[in-house]
Amino acid sequence: MHESSKSKPGTTLISSYIGAVAVWGVGRLLIRFSAESQWLPTWVHAVVAAASVVPLVLFAFWLRRMLASDFDEMMQRVVLEGIALGFAIFLTLAALYLNLRAGGVYVPRLDPPDLVLGAAMLVALGFAIAWRRYR
């Protein structure tokens, strides 16, 4: 296969991750809109909720397999640095938010989906930064 037609592992990693998070997000929107308008029964919400996290579970297993066997040392380092950078940024922002809130400073209320999506996007950003650094 020609070098330019091969999929780059970093690009595949980032796009797979963002795709899995996007499926979760679409599932969440469907659940939220249908719950507010009451056009789907609750059991369908449970099915959609479970189905929307399947890509995240599959991504986790795929990533574990890739880390253990298919990724070279550089890609393993990219993944580790990406996750670490995303987590460090998320932890810093969460700590700031909690301290401001504890101090009585007005901060907007964050729902759990806001926190999940924020962490997910920061990890994706960490992957992208680490991948760009090693390219």
Protein backbone atom coordinates (compact mmCIF):
# COMPACT_ATOMS: atom_id res chain seq x y z
CA MET A 1 0.00 0.00 0.00
CA HIS A 2 1.30 3.45 -0.85
CA GLU A 3 2.48 5.51 2.15
CA SER A 4 0.04 8.38 1.54
CA SER A 5 -2.95 6.02 1.39
CA LYS A 6 -2.17 4.43 4.75
CA SER A 7 -4.16 5.70 7.69
CA LYS A 8 -2.00 7.44 10.24
CA PRO A 9 -2.45 5.90 13.71
CA GLY A 10 -2.81 9.27 15.44
CA THR A 11 -5.48 10.43 13.04
CA THR A 12 -7.37 7.14 13.41
CA LEU A 13 -7.11 7.38 17.19
CA ILE A 14 -8.44 10.94 17.37
CA SER A 15 -11.22 10.40 14.83
CA SER A 16 -12.34 7.15 16.49
CA TYR A 17 -12.41 8.83 19.89
CA ILE A 18 -14.31 11.89 18.66
CA GLY A 19 -16.72 9.62 16.77
CA ALA A 20 -17.46 7.60 19.90
CA VAL A 21 -18.02 10.77 21.95
CA ALA A 22 -20.24 12.17 19.18
CA VAL A 23 -22.43 9.05 19.21
CA TRP A 24 -22.82 9.43 22.98
CA GLY A 25 -23.71 13.11 22.52
CA VAL A 26 -26.33 12.41 19.86
CA GLY A 27 -27.83 9.71 22.07
CA ARG A 28 -27.96 12.14 24.96
CA LEU A 29 -29.66 14.80 22.84
CA LEU A 30 -32.22 12.28 21.61
CA ILE A 31 -32.96 11.20 25.17
CA ARG A 32 -33.18 14.76 26.45
CA PHE A 33 -35.43 16.04 23.65
CA SER A 34 -37.72 13.03 23.75
CA ALA A 35 -37.95 13.14 27.55
CA GLU A 36 -38.97 16.79 27.52
CA SER A 37 -41.49 16.33 24.72
CA GLN A 38 -42.53 12.88 26.01
CA TRP A 39 -42.61 11.34 22.55
CA LEU A 40 -40.63 8.22 23.48
CA PRO A 41 -41.31 5.90 26.41
CA THR A 42 -38.80 5.65 29.25
CA TRP A 43 -37.69 2.16 28.29
CA VAL A 44 -36.56 3.53 24.92
CA HIS A 45 -34.46 6.10 26.78
CA ALA A 46 -32.75 3.26 28.63
CA VAL A 47 -32.05 1.43 25.36
CA VAL A 48 -30.70 4.58 23.69
CA ALA A 49 -28.59 5.37 26.76
CA ALA A 50 -27.01 1.92 26.71
CA ALA A 51 -26.56 1.93 22.93
CA SER A 52 -24.96 5.37 22.92
CA VAL A 53 -22.12 4.28 25.20
CA VAL A 54 -21.32 1.11 23.23
CA PRO A 55 -18.91 2.99 20.92
CA LEU A 56 -17.06 4.34 23.98
CA VAL A 57 -16.71 0.83 25.40
CA LEU A 58 -15.56 -0.50 22.01
CA PHE A 59 -13.08 2.38 21.76
CA ALA A 60 -11.68 1.52 25.19
CA PHE A 61 -11.14 -2.12 24.20
CA TRP A 62 -9.72 -1.12 20.81
CA LEU A 63 -7.35 1.36 22.44
CA ARG A 64 -6.18 -1.25 24.94
CA ARG A 65 -5.54 -3.75 22.15
CA MET A 66 -3.74 -1.16 20.06
CA LEU A 67 -1.58 -0.06 22.99
CA ALA A 68 -0.66 -3.63 23.82
CA SER A 69 0.18 -4.86 20.35
CA ASP A 70 -0.21 -2.54 17.38
CA PHE A 71 1.10 0.84 18.47
CA ASP A 72 4.80 1.44 18.34
CA GLU A 73 6.57 3.14 21.22
CA MET A 74 5.96 6.61 19.76
CA MET A 75 2.18 6.08 19.48
CA GLN A 76 2.05 4.67 23.00
CA ARG A 77 3.76 7.82 24.17
CA VAL A 78 1.33 10.02 22.19
CA VAL A 79 -1.66 8.31 23.78
CA LEU A 80 -0.22 8.55 27.27
CA GLU A 81 0.72 12.21 26.85
CA GLY A 82 -2.65 13.03 25.29
CA ILE A 83 -4.61 11.48 28.12
CA ALA A 84 -2.32 13.01 30.73
CA LEU A 85 -2.53 16.49 29.18
CA GLY A 86 -6.32 16.32 28.86
CA PHE A 87 -6.69 15.12 32.43
CA ALA A 88 -4.31 17.78 33.79
CA ILE A 89 -6.21 20.57 32.04
CA PHE A 90 -9.56 19.15 33.15
CA LEU A 91 -8.41 18.78 36.75
CA THR A 92 -7.13 22.37 36.78
CA LEU A 93 -10.39 23.75 35.38
CA ALA A 94 -12.52 21.61 37.72
CA ALA A 95 -10.48 22.70 40.74
CA LEU A 96 -10.81 26.36 39.73
CA TYR A 97 -14.56 25.96 39.25
CA LEU A 98 -15.00 24.29 42.65
CA ASN A 99 -12.86 26.88 44.43
CA LEU A 100 -14.75 29.77 42.85
CA ARG A 101 -18.04 28.15 43.75
CA ALA A 102 -16.91 27.48 47.33
CA GLY A 103 -15.81 31.10 47.63
CA GLY A 104 -19.25 32.39 46.70
CA VAL A 105 -18.22 33.69 43.28
CA TYR A 106 -20.95 33.39 40.68
CA VAL A 107 -20.21 30.60 38.26
CA PRO A 108 -22.70 29.04 35.88
CA ARG A 109 -24.17 25.74 37.00
CA LEU A 110 -22.56 22.79 35.22
CA ASP A 111 -24.55 19.64 34.60
CA PRO A 112 -22.82 16.24 34.53
CA PRO A 113 -22.99 16.13 30.69
CA ASP A 114 -21.10 19.42 30.58
CA LEU A 115 -18.38 17.87 32.70
CA VAL A 116 -18.23 14.65 30.68
CA LEU A 117 -18.11 16.49 27.39
CA GLY A 118 -15.53 18.93 28.71
CA ALA A 119 -13.25 16.10 29.83
CA ALA A 120 -13.79 14.23 26.57
CA MET A 121 -12.92 17.22 24.43
CA LEU A 122 -9.85 18.02 26.53
CA VAL A 123 -8.56 14.46 26.08
CA ALA A 124 -9.16 14.79 22.32
CA LEU A 125 -7.25 18.08 22.39
CA GLY A 126 -4.46 16.36 24.32
CA PHE A 127 -4.30 13.59 21.68
CA ALA A 128 -4.15 16.17 18.91
CA ILE A 129 -1.41 18.21 20.60
CA ALA A 130 0.68 15.14 21.39
CA TRP A 131 0.20 13.73 17.87
CA ARG A 132 1.21 17.03 16.29
CA ARG A 133 4.28 17.22 18.53
CA TYR A 134 5.54 13.81 17.45
CA ARG A 135 4.66 14.05 13.75
